[in-house]
Amino acid sequence: MKPLLMRADDRGPLQVRNLQGTSRHLCWCGSWIEHWRCGSGGGRFTCAVVGCSGPAEVGAHVKPVDLTGWYIAPFCKGCNHWSNREILTLDRRTWLVRANVSLTCAVWWAS
């Protein structure tokens, strides 16, 4: 089973691709940034992309380059833009939360 929570530092610098066309996906947390905050403890206030200091405004759907599965990371709106197709390196202190609602917020909010 894939981890529900992963820290970039666990594997060294983590490279991800921002997934396109995911805005139609919904979760029980109300927004994807709230999903990330609920799953990670929410201690990050800036974008997770190395070299960006924008505010963490959205929960971005990302896929690590060398792993399977979708995760949520805190991004600014600019780094999460649909046109951003480059490979992005995340700050090593960033926690990623699985985007699979049935394994995460559906369980968190069920009780």
PDB file of N, CA and C in Angstrom:
ATOM      1  N   MET A   1       0.842  -1.188   0.000  1.00  0.00           N
ATOM      2  CA  MET A   1       0.000   0.000   0.000  1.00  0.00           C
ATOM      3  C   MET A   1       0.886   1.249   0.000  1.00  0.00           C
ATOM      4  N   LYS A   2       0.519   2.225  -0.788  1.00  0.00           N
ATOM      5  CA  LYS A   2       1.263   3.480  -0.847  1.00  0.00           C
ATOM      6  C   LYS A   2       1.013   4.284   0.417  1.00  0.00           C
ATOM      7  N   PRO A   3       2.007   5.058   0.865  1.00  0.00           N
ATOM      8  CA  PRO A   3       1.798   5.858   2.077  1.00  0.00           C
ATOM      9  C   PRO A   3       0.742   6.939   1.852  1.00  0.00           C
ATOM     10  N   LEU A   4      -0.010   7.256   2.914  1.00  0.00           N
ATOM     11  CA  LEU A   4      -0.995   8.326   2.830  1.00  0.00           C
ATOM     12  C   LEU A   4      -0.339   9.687   2.973  1.00  0.00           C
ATOM     13  N   LEU A   5       0.844   9.691   3.571  1.00  0.00           N
ATOM     14  CA  LEU A   5       1.568  10.920   3.827  1.00  0.00           C
ATOM     15  C   LEU A   5       3.034  10.657   3.535  1.00  0.00           C
ATOM     16  N   MET A   6       3.658  11.550   2.796  1.00  0.00           N
ATOM     17  CA  MET A   6       5.057  11.362   2.442  1.00  0.00           C
ATOM     18  C   MET A   6       5.758  12.713   2.517  1.00  0.00           C
ATOM     19  N   ARG A   7       6.944  12.713   3.056  1.00  0.00           N
ATOM     20  CA  ARG A   7       7.724  13.940   3.116  1.00  0.00           C
ATOM     21  C   ARG A   7       8.789  13.885   2.046  1.00  0.00           C
ATOM     22  N   ALA A   8       8.970  14.969   1.340  1.00  0.00           N
ATOM     23  CA  ALA A   8       9.959  15.012   0.272  1.00  0.00           C
ATOM     24  C   ALA A   8      11.338  14.609   0.788  1.00  0.00           C
ATOM     25  N   ASP A   9      11.677  15.016   2.000  1.00  0.00           N
ATOM     26  CA  ASP A   9      12.985  14.731   2.578  1.00  0.00           C
ATOM     27  C   ASP A   9      13.236  13.236   2.756  1.00  0.00           C
ATOM     28  N   ASP A  10      12.178  12.443   2.852  1.00  0.00           N
ATOM     29  CA  ASP A  10      12.333  11.004   3.025  1.00  0.00           C
ATOM     30  C   ASP A  10      13.075  10.362   1.851  1.00  0.00           C
ATOM     31  N   ARG A  11      13.036  10.985   0.697  1.00  0.00           N
ATOM     32  CA  ARG A  11      13.618  10.406  -0.500  1.00  0.00           C
ATOM     33  C   ARG A  11      14.647  11.334  -1.142  1.00  0.00           C
ATOM     34  N   GLY A  12      15.015  12.400  -0.488  1.00  0.00           N
ATOM     35  CA  GLY A  12      15.871  13.396  -1.115  1.00  0.00           C
ATOM     36  C   GLY A  12      14.998  14.392  -1.862  1.00  0.00           C
ATOM     37  N   PRO A  13      15.592  15.216  -2.723  1.00  0.00           N
ATOM     38  CA  PRO A  13      14.783  16.187  -3.469  1.00  0.00           C
ATOM     39  C   PRO A  13      13.701  15.455  -4.263  1.00  0.00           C
ATOM     40  N   LEU A  14      12.496  15.931  -4.153  1.00  0.00           N
ATOM     41  CA  LEU A  14      11.370  15.271  -4.811  1.00  0.00           C
ATOM     42  C   LEU A  14      10.936  16.079  -6.016  1.00  0.00           C
ATOM     43  N   GLN A  15      10.904  15.428  -7.154  1.00  0.00           N
ATOM     44  CA  GLN A  15      10.470  16.073  -8.383  1.00  0.00           C
ATOM     45  C   GLN A  15       9.072  15.580  -8.731  1.00  0.00           C
ATOM     46  N   VAL A  16       8.217  16.522  -9.086  1.00  0.00           N
ATOM     47  CA  VAL A  16       6.824  16.195  -9.377  1.00  0.00           C
ATOM     48  C   VAL A  16       6.389  16.878 -10.672  1.00  0.00           C
ATOM     49  N   ARG A  17       5.310  16.355 -11.201  1.00  0.00           N
ATOM     50  CA  ARG A  17       4.608  17.018 -12.298  1.00  0.00           C
ATOM     51  C   ARG A  17       3.253  17.457 -11.758  1.00  0.00           C
ATOM     52  N   ASN A  18       2.868  18.676 -12.113  1.00  0.00           N
ATOM     53  CA  ASN A  18       1.561  19.189 -11.759  1.00  0.00           C
ATOM     54  C   ASN A  18       0.552  18.530 -12.700  1.00  0.00           C
ATOM     55  N   LEU A  19      -0.453  17.876 -12.150  1.00  0.00           N
ATOM     56  CA  LEU A  19      -1.437  17.171 -12.978  1.00  0.00           C
ATOM     57  C   LEU A  19      -2.442  18.148 -13.569  1.00  0.00           C
ATOM     58  N   GLN A  20      -2.800  17.919 -14.792  1.00  0.00           N
ATOM     59  CA  GLN A  20      -3.734  18.786 -15.509  1.00  0.00           C
ATOM     60  C   GLN A  20      -5.151  18.217 -15.438  1.00  0.00           C
ATOM     61  N   GLY A  21      -6.142  19.086 -15.462  1.00  0.00           N
ATOM     62  CA  GLY A  21      -7.536  18.669 -15.535  1.00  0.00           C
ATOM     63  C   GLY A  21      -8.098  18.053 -14.269  1.00  0.00           C
ATOM     64  N   THR A  22      -7.571  18.427 -13.122  1.00  0.00           N
ATOM     65  CA  THR A  22      -8.028  17.819 -11.871  1.00  0.00           C
ATOM     66  C   THR A  22      -9.004  18.703 -11.094  1.00  0.00           C
ATOM     67  N   SER A  23      -9.310  19.875 -11.596  1.00  0.00           N
ATOM     68  CA  SER A  23     -10.162  20.803 -10.844  1.00  0.00           C
ATOM     69  C   SER A  23     -11.577  20.261 -10.628  1.00  0.00           C
ATOM     70  N   ARG A  24     -12.021  19.312 -11.428  1.00  0.00           N
ATOM     71  CA  ARG A  24     -13.363  18.744 -11.267  1.00  0.00           C
ATOM     72  C   ARG A  24     -13.445  17.760 -10.103  1.00  0.00           C
ATOM     73  N   HIS A  25     -12.308  17.291  -9.614  1.00  0.00           N
ATOM     74  CA  HIS A  25     -12.291  16.347  -8.502  1.00  0.00           C
ATOM     75  C   HIS A  25     -12.573  17.088  -7.195  1.00  0.00           C
ATOM     76  N   LEU A  26     -13.429  16.501  -6.370  1.00  0.00           N
ATOM     77  CA  LEU A  26     -13.825  17.117  -5.106  1.00  0.00           C
ATOM     78  C   LEU A  26     -13.427  16.234  -3.935  1.00  0.00           C
ATOM     79  N   CYS A  27     -13.306  16.857  -2.771  1.00  0.00           N
ATOM     80  CA  CYS A  27     -13.043  16.077  -1.560  1.00  0.00           C
ATOM     81  C   CYS A  27     -13.945  16.572  -0.440  1.00  0.00           C
ATOM     82  N   TRP A  28     -13.971  15.834   0.645  1.00  0.00           N
ATOM     83  CA  TRP A  28     -14.839  16.130   1.775  1.00  0.00           C
ATOM     84  C   TRP A  28     -14.349  17.312   2.607  1.00  0.00           C
ATOM     85  N   CYS A  29     -13.148  17.745   2.396  1.00  0.00           N
ATOM     86  CA  CYS A  29     -12.554  18.809   3.215  1.00  0.00           C
ATOM     87  C   CYS A  29     -12.998  20.208   2.794  1.00  0.00           C
ATOM     88  N   GLY A  30     -13.641  20.321   1.647  1.00  0.00           N
ATOM     89  CA  GLY A  30     -14.093  21.623   1.165  1.00  0.00           C
ATOM     90  C   GLY A  30     -13.193  22.214   0.097  1.00  0.00           C
ATOM     91  N   SER A  31     -11.902  21.982   0.196  1.00  0.00           N
ATOM     92  CA  SER A  31     -10.946  22.416  -0.819  1.00  0.00           C
ATOM     93  C   SER A  31      -9.709  21.531  -0.697  1.00  0.00           C
ATOM     94  N   TRP A  32      -8.911  21.531  -1.741  1.00  0.00           N
ATOM     95  CA  TRP A  32      -7.712  20.677  -1.716  1.00  0.00           C
ATOM     96  C   TRP A  32      -6.623  21.230  -0.811  1.00  0.00           C
ATOM     97  N   ILE A  33      -6.584  22.543  -0.593  1.00  0.00           N
ATOM     98  CA  ILE A  33      -5.599  23.069   0.360  1.00  0.00           C
ATOM     99  C   ILE A  33      -6.017  22.665   1.781  1.00  0.00           C
ATOM    100  N   GLU A  34      -7.325  22.614   2.043  1.00  0.00           N
ATOM    101  CA  GLU A  34      -7.790  22.143   3.353  1.00  0.00           C
ATOM    102  C   GLU A  34      -7.513  20.649   3.514  1.00  0.00           C
ATOM    103  N   HIS A  35      -7.645  19.898   2.442  1.00  0.00           N
ATOM    104  CA  HIS A  35      -7.315  18.468   2.449  1.00  0.00           C
ATOM    105  C   HIS A  35      -5.843  18.297   2.852  1.00  0.00           C
ATOM    106  N   TRP A  36      -4.979  19.101   2.227  1.00  0.00           N
ATOM    107  CA  TRP A  36      -3.557  19.027   2.561  1.00  0.00           C
ATOM    108  C   TRP A  36      -3.322  19.410   4.025  1.00  0.00           C
ATOM    109  N   ARG A  37      -3.978  20.475   4.482  1.00  0.00           N
ATOM    110  CA  ARG A  37      -3.807  20.909   5.875  1.00  0.00           C
ATOM    111  C   ARG A  37      -4.278  19.838   6.862  1.00  0.00           C
ATOM    112  N   CYS A  38      -5.424  19.217   6.573  1.00  0.00           N
ATOM    113  CA  CYS A  38      -5.941  18.162   7.457  1.00  0.00           C
ATOM    114  C   CYS A  38      -4.993  16.968   7.514  1.00  0.00           C
ATOM    115  N   GLY A  39      -4.450  16.596   6.382  1.00  0.00           N
ATOM    116  CA  GLY A  39      -3.598  15.414   6.327  1.00  0.00           C
ATOM    117  C   GLY A  39      -2.175  15.624   6.790  1.00  0.00           C
ATOM    118  N   SER A  40      -1.676  16.849   6.666  1.00  0.00           N
ATOM    119  CA  SER A  40      -0.264  17.106   6.964  1.00  0.00           C
ATOM    120  C   SER A  40      -0.030  17.818   8.287  1.00  0.00           C
ATOM    121  N   GLY A  41      -1.051  18.384   8.832  1.00  0.00           N
ATOM    122  CA  GLY A  41      -0.876  19.221  10.016  1.00  0.00           C
ATOM    123  C   GLY A  41      -0.763  20.689   9.646  1.00  0.00           C
ATOM    124  N   GLY A  42      -0.626  20.971   8.361  1.00  0.00           N
ATOM    125  CA  GLY A  42      -0.734  22.324   7.819  1.00  0.00           C
ATOM    126  C   GLY A  42       0.230  23.374   8.292  1.00  0.00           C
ATOM    127  N   GLY A  43       1.484  23.053   8.532  1.00  0.00           N
ATOM    128  CA  GLY A  43       2.431  24.042   9.028  1.00  0.00           C
ATOM    129  C   GLY A  43       3.140  24.870   7.975  1.00  0.00           C
ATOM    130  N   ARG A  44       2.783  24.726   6.727  1.00  0.00           N
ATOM    131  CA  ARG A  44       3.476  25.446   5.655  1.00  0.00           C
ATOM    132  C   ARG A  44       2.572  26.542   5.105  1.00  0.00           C
ATOM    133  N   PHE A  45       3.142  27.741   4.913  1.00  0.00           N
ATOM    134  CA  PHE A  45       2.355  28.869   4.432  1.00  0.00           C
ATOM    135  C   PHE A  45       2.819  29.393   3.083  1.00  0.00           C
ATOM    136  N   THR A  46       3.939  28.873   2.575  1.00  0.00           N
ATOM    137  CA  THR A  46       4.437  29.292   1.268  1.00  0.00           C
ATOM    138  C   THR A  46       4.394  28.117   0.297  1.00  0.00           C
ATOM    139  N   CYS A  47       4.446  28.445  -0.967  1.00  0.00           N
ATOM    140  CA  CYS A  47       4.434  27.443  -2.029  1.00  0.00           C
ATOM    141  C   CYS A  47       5.575  26.450  -1.828  1.00  0.00           C
ATOM    142  N   ALA A  48       5.294  25.175  -2.096  1.00  0.00           N
ATOM    143  CA  ALA A  48       6.272  24.110  -1.877  1.00  0.00           C
ATOM    144  C   ALA A  48       7.342  24.032  -2.961  1.00  0.00           C
ATOM    145  N   VAL A  49       7.168  24.740  -4.060  1.00  0.00           N
ATOM    146  CA  VAL A  49       8.117  24.666  -5.177  1.00  0.00           C
ATOM    147  C   VAL A  49       9.395  25.425  -4.815  1.00  0.00           C
ATOM    148  N   VAL A  50      10.534  24.761  -4.993  1.00  0.00           N
ATOM    149  CA  VAL A  50      11.830  25.385  -4.705  1.00  0.00           C
ATOM    150  C   VAL A  50      11.981  26.652  -5.552  1.00  0.00           C
ATOM    151  N   GLY A  51      12.364  27.742  -4.904  1.00  0.00           N
ATOM    152  CA  GLY A  51      12.575  29.010  -5.597  1.00  0.00           C
ATOM    153  C   GLY A  51      11.350  29.907  -5.629  1.00  0.00           C
ATOM    154  N   CYS A  52      10.206  29.417  -5.163  1.00  0.00           N
ATOM    155  CA  CYS A  52       8.986  30.224  -5.137  1.00  0.00           C
ATOM    156  C   CYS A  52       8.687  30.606  -3.688  1.00  0.00           C
ATOM    157  N   SER A  53       8.324  31.843  -3.472  1.00  0.00           N
ATOM    158  CA  SER A  53       7.975  32.288  -2.121  1.00  0.00           C
ATOM    159  C   SER A  53       6.530  32.781  -2.061  1.00  0.00           C
ATOM    160  N   GLY A  54       5.738  32.421  -3.080  1.00  0.00           N
ATOM    161  CA  GLY A  54       4.328  32.807  -3.095  1.00  0.00           C
ATOM    162  C   GLY A  54       3.560  32.114  -1.988  1.00  0.00           C
ATOM    163  N   PRO A  55       2.383  32.625  -1.663  1.00  0.00           N
ATOM    164  CA  PRO A  55       1.570  32.011  -0.605  1.00  0.00           C
ATOM    165  C   PRO A  55       0.997  30.664  -1.046  1.00  0.00           C
ATOM    166  N   ALA A  56       0.902  29.736  -0.112  1.00  0.00           N
ATOM    167  CA  ALA A  56       0.299  28.421  -0.388  1.00  0.00           C
ATOM    168  C   ALA A  56      -1.213  28.607  -0.395  1.00  0.00           C
ATOM    169  N   GLU A  57      -1.773  28.866  -1.577  1.00  0.00           N
ATOM    170  CA  GLU A  57      -3.193  29.190  -1.710  1.00  0.00           C
ATOM    171  C   GLU A  57      -4.045  28.015  -2.142  1.00  0.00           C
ATOM    172  N   VAL A  58      -3.442  27.036  -2.799  1.00  0.00           N
ATOM    173  CA  VAL A  58      -4.208  25.919  -3.351  1.00  0.00           C
ATOM    174  C   VAL A  58      -3.506  24.597  -3.064  1.00  0.00           C
ATOM    175  N   GLY A  59      -4.293  23.547  -3.033  1.00  0.00           N
ATOM    176  CA  GLY A  59      -3.737  22.208  -2.940  1.00  0.00           C
ATOM    177  C   GLY A  59      -3.585  21.671  -4.352  1.00  0.00           C
ATOM    178  N   ALA A  60      -2.367  21.531  -4.795  1.00  0.00           N
ATOM    179  CA  ALA A  60      -2.092  21.085  -6.161  1.00  0.00           C
ATOM    180  C   ALA A  60      -2.065  19.566  -6.237  1.00  0.00           C
ATOM    181  N   HIS A  61      -2.689  19.021  -7.265  1.00  0.00           N
ATOM    182  CA  HIS A  61      -2.588  17.583  -7.549  1.00  0.00           C
ATOM    183  C   HIS A  61      -1.257  17.369  -8.271  1.00  0.00           C
ATOM    184  N   VAL A  62      -0.396  16.581  -7.650  1.00  0.00           N
ATOM    185  CA  VAL A  62       0.909  16.317  -8.242  1.00  0.00           C
ATOM    186  C   VAL A  62       1.167  14.815  -8.299  1.00  0.00           C
ATOM    187  N   LYS A  63       2.043  14.440  -9.208  1.00  0.00           N
ATOM    188  CA  LYS A  63       2.493  13.056  -9.302  1.00  0.00           C
ATOM    189  C   LYS A  63       4.008  13.065  -9.247  1.00  0.00           C
ATOM    190  N   PRO A  64       4.598  12.429  -8.228  1.00  0.00           N
ATOM    191  CA  PRO A  64       6.056  12.332  -8.188  1.00  0.00           C
ATOM    192  C   PRO A  64       6.567  11.626  -9.440  1.00  0.00           C
ATOM    193  N   VAL A  65       7.651  12.116  -9.996  1.00  0.00           N
ATOM    194  CA  VAL A  65       8.182  11.599 -11.253  1.00  0.00           C
ATOM    195  C   VAL A  65       8.491  10.109 -11.172  1.00  0.00           C
ATOM    196  N   ASP A  66       9.033   9.653 -10.052  1.00  0.00           N
ATOM    197  CA  ASP A  66       9.477   8.257  -9.953  1.00  0.00           C
ATOM    198  C   ASP A  66       8.552   7.376  -9.098  1.00  0.00           C
ATOM    199  N   LEU A  67       7.314   7.830  -8.847  1.00  0.00           N
ATOM    200  CA  LEU A  67       6.360   7.057  -8.052  1.00  0.00           C
ATOM    201  C   LEU A  67       5.001   7.026  -8.744  1.00  0.00           C
ATOM    202  N   THR A  68       4.158   6.120  -8.304  1.00  0.00           N
ATOM    203  CA  THR A  68       2.785   6.111  -8.793  1.00  0.00           C
ATOM    204  C   THR A  68       1.894   6.791  -7.773  1.00  0.00           C
ATOM    205  N   GLY A  69       0.724   7.158  -8.180  1.00  0.00           N
ATOM    206  CA  GLY A  69      -0.242   7.777  -7.283  1.00  0.00           C
ATOM    207  C   GLY A  69      -0.229   9.285  -7.359  1.00  0.00           C
ATOM    208  N   TRP A  70      -1.371   9.860  -6.995  1.00  0.00           N
ATOM    209  CA  TRP A  70      -1.541  11.310  -6.952  1.00  0.00           C
ATOM    210  C   TRP A  70      -1.457  11.773  -5.512  1.00  0.00           C
ATOM    211  N   TYR A  71      -0.837  12.915  -5.341  1.00  0.00           N
ATOM    212  CA  TYR A  71      -0.684  13.522  -4.024  1.00  0.00           C
ATOM    213  C   TYR A  71      -1.109  14.983  -4.101  1.00  0.00           C
ATOM    214  N   ILE A  72      -1.313  15.576  -2.926  1.00  0.00           N
ATOM    215  CA  ILE A  72      -1.636  17.001  -2.820  1.00  0.00           C
ATOM    216  C   ILE A  72      -0.457  17.701  -2.152  1.00  0.00           C
ATOM    217  N   ALA A  73      -0.062  18.833  -2.748  1.00  0.00           N
ATOM    218  CA  ALA A  73       1.018  19.657  -2.199  1.00  0.00           C
ATOM    219  C   ALA A  73       0.541  21.110  -2.182  1.00  0.00           C
ATOM    220  N   PRO A  74       1.024  21.912  -1.245  1.00  0.00           N
ATOM    221  CA  PRO A  74       0.621  23.318  -1.180  1.00  0.00           C
ATOM    222  C   PRO A  74       1.373  24.159  -2.222  1.00  0.00           C
ATOM    223  N   PHE A  75       0.642  24.772  -3.123  1.00  0.00           N
ATOM    224  CA  PHE A  75       1.229  25.586  -4.193  1.00  0.00           C
ATOM    225  C   PHE A  75       0.601  26.975  -4.183  1.00  0.00           C
ATOM    226  N   CYS A  76       1.311  27.923  -4.775  1.00  0.00           N
ATOM    227  CA  CYS A  76       0.696  29.211  -5.087  1.00  0.00           C
ATOM    228  C   CYS A  76      -0.106  29.019  -6.381  1.00  0.00           C
ATOM    229  N   LYS A  77      -0.953  29.964  -6.701  1.00  0.00           N
ATOM    230  CA  LYS A  77      -1.771  29.837  -7.907  1.00  0.00           C
ATOM    231  C   LYS A  77      -0.926  29.839  -9.175  1.00  0.00           C
ATOM    232  N   GLY A  78       0.178  30.569  -9.171  1.00  0.00           N
ATOM    233  CA  GLY A  78       1.040  30.620 -10.352  1.00  0.00           C
ATOM    234  C   GLY A  78       1.686  29.280 -10.659  1.00  0.00           C
ATOM    235  N   CYS A  79       2.208  28.593  -9.651  1.00  0.00           N
ATOM    236  CA  CYS A  79       2.850  27.285  -9.863  1.00  0.00           C
ATOM    237  C   CYS A  79       1.819  26.205 -10.180  1.00  0.00           C
ATOM    238  N   ASN A  80       0.567  26.406  -9.751  1.00  0.00           N
ATOM    239  CA  ASN A  80      -0.484  25.429 -10.006  1.00  0.00           C
ATOM    240  C   ASN A  80      -1.230  25.694 -11.315  1.00  0.00           C
ATOM    241  N   HIS A  81      -0.811  26.671 -12.070  1.00  0.00           N
ATOM    242  CA  HIS A  81      -1.516  27.038 -13.302  1.00  0.00           C
ATOM    243  C   HIS A  81      -1.532  25.876 -14.291  1.00  0.00           C
ATOM    244  N   TRP A  82      -2.642  25.720 -15.019  1.00  0.00           N
ATOM    245  CA  TRP A  82      -2.820  24.595 -15.953  1.00  0.00           C
ATOM    246  C   TRP A  82      -1.731  24.538 -17.021  1.00  0.00           C
ATOM    247  N   SER A  83      -1.116  25.667 -17.333  1.00  0.00           N
ATOM    248  CA  SER A  83      -0.092  25.676 -18.388  1.00  0.00           C
ATOM    249  C   SER A  83       1.279  25.208 -17.894  1.00  0.00           C
ATOM    250  N   ASN A  84       1.428  25.023 -16.591  1.00  0.00           N
ATOM    251  CA  ASN A  84       2.720  24.625 -16.023  1.00  0.00           C
ATOM    252  C   ASN A  84       2.925  23.124 -16.227  1.00  0.00           C
ATOM    253  N   ARG A  85       3.748  22.776 -17.194  1.00  0.00           N
ATOM    254  CA  ARG A  85       3.974  21.377 -17.532  1.00  0.00           C
ATOM    255  C   ARG A  85       5.393  20.909 -17.210  1.00  0.00           C
ATOM    256  N   GLU A  86       6.187  21.775 -16.608  1.00  0.00           N
ATOM    257  CA  GLU A  86       7.567  21.399 -16.314  1.00  0.00           C
ATOM    258  C   GLU A  86       7.653  20.507 -15.070  1.00  0.00           C
ATOM    259  N   ILE A  87       8.777  19.836 -14.932  1.00  0.00           N
ATOM    260  CA  ILE A  87       9.045  19.072 -13.716  1.00  0.00           C
ATOM    261  C   ILE A  87       9.466  20.066 -12.642  1.00  0.00           C
ATOM    262  N   LEU A  88       8.836  19.968 -11.484  1.00  0.00           N
ATOM    263  CA  LEU A  88       9.078  20.899 -10.382  1.00  0.00           C
ATOM    264  C   LEU A  88       9.759  20.175  -9.228  1.00  0.00           C
ATOM    265  N   THR A  89      10.714  20.833  -8.611  1.00  0.00           N
ATOM    266  CA  THR A  89      11.373  20.287  -7.420  1.00  0.00           C
ATOM    267  C   THR A  89      10.728  20.918  -6.198  1.00  0.00           C
ATOM    268  N   LEU A  90      10.340  20.066  -5.258  1.00  0.00           N
ATOM    269  CA  LEU A  90       9.693  20.553  -4.037  1.00  0.00           C
ATOM    270  C   LEU A  90      10.697  20.727  -2.915  1.00  0.00           C
ATOM    271  N   ASP A  91      10.425  21.700  -2.071  1.00  0.00           N
ATOM    272  CA  ASP A  91      11.205  21.915  -0.867  1.00  0.00           C
ATOM    273  C   ASP A  91      11.227  20.617  -0.069  1.00  0.00           C
ATOM    274  N   ARG A  92      12.377  20.246   0.429  1.00  0.00           N
ATOM    275  CA  ARG A  92      12.530  18.935   1.075  1.00  0.00           C
ATOM    276  C   ARG A  92      11.730  18.786   2.362  1.00  0.00           C
ATOM    277  N   ARG A  93      11.241  19.872   2.923  1.00  0.00           N
ATOM    278  CA  ARG A  93      10.439  19.811   4.150  1.00  0.00           C
ATOM    279  C   ARG A  93       8.946  19.653   3.874  1.00  0.00           C
ATOM    280  N   THR A  94       8.576  19.541   2.625  1.00  0.00           N
ATOM    281  CA  THR A  94       7.158  19.481   2.247  1.00  0.00           C
ATOM    282  C   THR A  94       6.563  18.105   2.480  1.00  0.00           C
ATOM    283  N   TRP A  95       5.408  18.082   3.120  1.00  0.00           N
ATOM    284  CA  TRP A  95       4.633  16.849   3.265  1.00  0.00           C
ATOM    285  C   TRP A  95       3.655  16.753   2.108  1.00  0.00           C
ATOM    286  N   LEU A  96       3.557  15.585   1.516  1.00  0.00           N
ATOM    287  CA  LEU A  96       2.566  15.310   0.478  1.00  0.00           C
ATOM    288  C   LEU A  96       1.489  14.428   1.084  1.00  0.00           C
ATOM    289  N   VAL A  97       0.237  14.706   0.751  1.00  0.00           N
ATOM    290  CA  VAL A  97      -0.905  13.939   1.251  1.00  0.00           C
ATOM    291  C   VAL A  97      -1.565  13.259   0.058  1.00  0.00           C
ATOM    292  N   ARG A  98      -1.865  11.980   0.197  1.00  0.00           N
ATOM    293  CA  ARG A  98      -2.528  11.253  -0.888  1.00  0.00           C
ATOM    294  C   ARG A  98      -3.807  11.964  -1.295  1.00  0.00           C
ATOM    295  N   ALA A  99      -4.076  11.980  -2.583  1.00  0.00           N
ATOM    296  CA  ALA A  99      -5.282  12.613  -3.117  1.00  0.00           C
ATOM    297  C   ALA A  99      -6.463  11.654  -3.158  1.00  0.00           C
ATOM    298  N   ASN A 100      -6.250  10.392  -2.850  1.00  0.00           N
ATOM    299  CA  ASN A 100      -7.311   9.391  -2.899  1.00  0.00           C
ATOM    300  C   ASN A 100      -8.290   9.624  -1.743  1.00  0.00           C
ATOM    301  N   VAL A 101      -9.436  10.193  -2.061  1.00  0.00           N
ATOM    302  CA  VAL A 101     -10.422  10.588  -1.051  1.00  0.00           C
ATOM    303  C   VAL A 101     -10.911   9.394  -0.230  1.00  0.00           C
ATOM    304  N   SER A 102     -11.066   8.242  -0.855  1.00  0.00           N
ATOM    305  CA  SER A 102     -11.583   7.086  -0.114  1.00  0.00           C
ATOM    306  C   SER A 102     -10.613   6.598   0.959  1.00  0.00           C
ATOM    307  N   LEU A 103      -9.335   6.940   0.830  1.00  0.00           N
ATOM    308  CA  LEU A 103      -8.345   6.548   1.834  1.00  0.00           C
ATOM    309  C   LEU A 103      -8.022   7.661   2.819  1.00  0.00           C
ATOM    310  N   THR A 104      -8.456   8.874   2.523  1.00  0.00           N
ATOM    311  CA  THR A 104      -8.073  10.016   3.349  1.00  0.00           C
ATOM    312  C   THR A 104      -9.296  10.682   3.962  1.00  0.00           C
ATOM    313  N   CYS A 105      -9.808  11.740   3.357  1.00  0.00           N
ATOM    314  CA  CYS A 105     -10.852  12.524   4.024  1.00  0.00           C
ATOM    315  C   CYS A 105     -12.173  11.788   4.201  1.00  0.00           C
ATOM    316  N   ALA A 106     -12.493  10.821   3.366  1.00  0.00           N
ATOM    317  CA  ALA A 106     -13.705  10.046   3.596  1.00  0.00           C
ATOM    318  C   ALA A 106     -13.605   9.302   4.928  1.00  0.00           C
ATOM    319  N   VAL A 107     -12.400   8.880   5.270  1.00  0.00           N
ATOM    320  CA  VAL A 107     -12.157   8.196   6.549  1.00  0.00           C
ATOM    321  C   VAL A 107     -12.093   9.221   7.689  1.00  0.00           C
ATOM    322  N   TRP A 108     -11.387  10.338   7.452  1.00  0.00           N
ATOM    323  CA  TRP A 108     -11.236  11.357   8.498  1.00  0.00           C
ATOM    324  C   TRP A 108     -12.582  11.905   8.953  1.00  0.00           C
ATOM    325  N   TRP A 109     -13.491  12.127   7.999  1.00  0.00           N
ATOM    326  CA  TRP A 109     -14.766  12.777   8.305  1.00  0.00           C
ATOM    327  C   TRP A 109     -15.884  11.789   8.609  1.00  0.00           C
ATOM    328  N   ALA A 110     -15.636  10.507   8.467  1.00  0.00           N
ATOM    329  CA  ALA A 110     -16.675   9.486   8.678  1.00  0.00           C
ATOM    330  C   ALA A 110     -17.044   9.316  10.145  1.00  0.00           C
ATOM    331  N   SER A 111     -16.140   9.649  11.032  1.00  0.00           N
ATOM    332  CA  SER A 111     -16.428   9.420  12.454  1.00  0.00           C
ATOM    333  C   SER A 111     -17.138  10.585  13.100  1.00  0.00           C
TER     334      SER A 111
END
